[in-house]
Amino acid sequence: MISSVQVLGTSYQFEVAADEVELLQASTALLNRHLAALAGPARALADDRERLTLVALRLCRQQLLEQRQQQLQIERLQQQLALMQNALDQD
């Protein structure tokens, strides 16, 4: 299925599975929101490529932070589980 999206005033068409169209549209909307947040006099970036690069880096940073938080949570849960297992083994 061909799906059309628009980023920075340019239309792009991608072939995606039918069950991925909604995700592509939502991803495009998220990207456009992040790009719009950079707009304005406070963000005098050189060009669209620089804006896209900055947004991509911010999204990657956010993803990495979330992965780290998930890993820490997994480690805490594993520690709690090990403590519970030790307590059960002692009984």
Protein backbone atom coordinates (compact mmCIF):
# COMPACT_ATOMS: atom_id res chain seq x y z
CA MET A 1 0.00 0.00 0.00
CA ILE A 2 1.32 3.47 -0.90
CA SER A 3 1.04 6.04 1.86
CA SER A 4 1.73 9.73 1.40
CA VAL A 5 3.15 11.97 4.13
CA GLN A 6 4.32 15.56 4.25
CA VAL A 7 7.38 16.84 6.11
CA LEU A 8 8.62 20.43 5.89
CA GLY A 9 6.32 21.12 2.98
CA THR A 10 7.57 18.21 0.90
CA SER A 11 5.37 15.22 0.11
CA TYR A 12 6.81 11.74 0.31
CA GLN A 13 5.27 8.47 -0.72
CA PHE A 14 6.21 5.19 0.91
CA GLU A 15 5.11 1.67 0.28
CA VAL A 16 4.07 0.20 3.62
CA ALA A 17 2.02 -2.72 4.82
CA ALA A 18 -1.64 -1.87 5.34
CA ASP A 19 -1.31 -2.36 9.10
CA GLU A 20 1.61 0.13 9.18
CA VAL A 21 -0.16 3.09 7.54
CA GLU A 22 -1.56 4.46 10.78
CA LEU A 23 1.84 4.16 12.47
CA LEU A 24 3.53 5.98 9.58
CA GLN A 25 0.95 8.78 9.80
CA ALA A 26 1.38 9.05 13.57
CA SER A 27 5.17 9.06 13.21
CA THR A 28 4.94 11.83 10.63
CA ALA A 29 2.68 13.86 12.90
CA LEU A 30 5.14 13.44 15.78
CA LEU A 31 8.06 14.50 13.58
CA ASN A 32 6.15 17.54 12.35
CA ARG A 33 5.26 18.54 15.94
CA HIS A 34 8.93 18.33 16.92
CA LEU A 35 9.94 20.35 13.87
CA ALA A 36 7.31 22.98 14.65
CA ALA A 37 8.66 23.24 18.20
CA LEU A 38 11.98 24.34 16.72
CA ALA A 39 10.41 27.06 14.59
CA GLY A 40 10.51 30.66 15.64
CA PRO A 41 13.07 33.38 16.25
CA ALA A 42 14.72 31.52 19.13
CA ARG A 43 15.77 28.71 16.76
CA ALA A 44 17.63 30.31 13.87
CA LEU A 45 18.88 27.07 12.37
CA ALA A 46 20.68 27.13 9.06
CA ASP A 47 18.31 24.97 7.05
CA ASP A 48 15.74 22.20 7.06
CA ARG A 49 18.48 19.57 7.09
CA GLU A 50 19.86 21.01 10.33
CA ARG A 51 16.36 21.08 11.84
CA LEU A 52 15.76 17.45 10.83
CA THR A 53 19.13 16.43 12.26
CA LEU A 54 18.44 18.14 15.57
CA VAL A 55 14.99 16.57 15.85
CA ALA A 56 16.40 13.14 14.98
CA LEU A 57 19.07 13.49 17.65
CA ARG A 58 16.51 14.57 20.24
CA LEU A 59 14.24 11.63 19.40
CA CYS A 60 17.18 9.23 19.59
CA ARG A 61 18.21 10.72 22.94
CA GLN A 62 14.67 10.28 24.25
CA GLN A 63 14.63 6.66 23.05
CA LEU A 64 17.97 5.93 24.72
CA LEU A 65 16.84 7.47 28.00
CA GLU A 66 13.67 5.39 27.96
CA GLN A 67 15.69 2.24 27.24
CA ARG A 68 18.03 3.00 30.15
CA GLN A 69 15.09 3.56 32.48
CA GLN A 70 13.52 0.28 31.38
CA GLN A 71 16.80 -1.56 31.91
CA LEU A 72 17.14 -0.09 35.42
CA GLN A 73 13.58 -1.12 36.20
CA ILE A 74 14.27 -4.65 34.95
CA GLU A 75 17.39 -4.85 37.11
CA ARG A 76 15.47 -3.67 40.19
CA LEU A 77 12.73 -6.22 39.55
CA GLN A 78 15.31 -8.96 39.11
CA GLN A 79 16.91 -8.01 42.42
CA GLN A 80 13.53 -8.06 44.15
CA LEU A 81 12.76 -11.42 42.60
CA ALA A 82 16.10 -12.81 43.74
CA LEU A 83 15.43 -11.59 47.29
CA MET A 84 12.01 -13.21 47.26
CA GLN A 85 13.46 -16.43 45.89
CA ASN A 86 16.12 -16.44 48.61
CA ALA A 87 13.47 -15.88 51.27
CA LEU A 88 11.41 -18.77 49.90
CA ASP A 89 14.46 -21.02 49.70
CA GLN A 90 15.25 -20.36 53.37
CA ASP A 91 11.81 -21.52 54.50
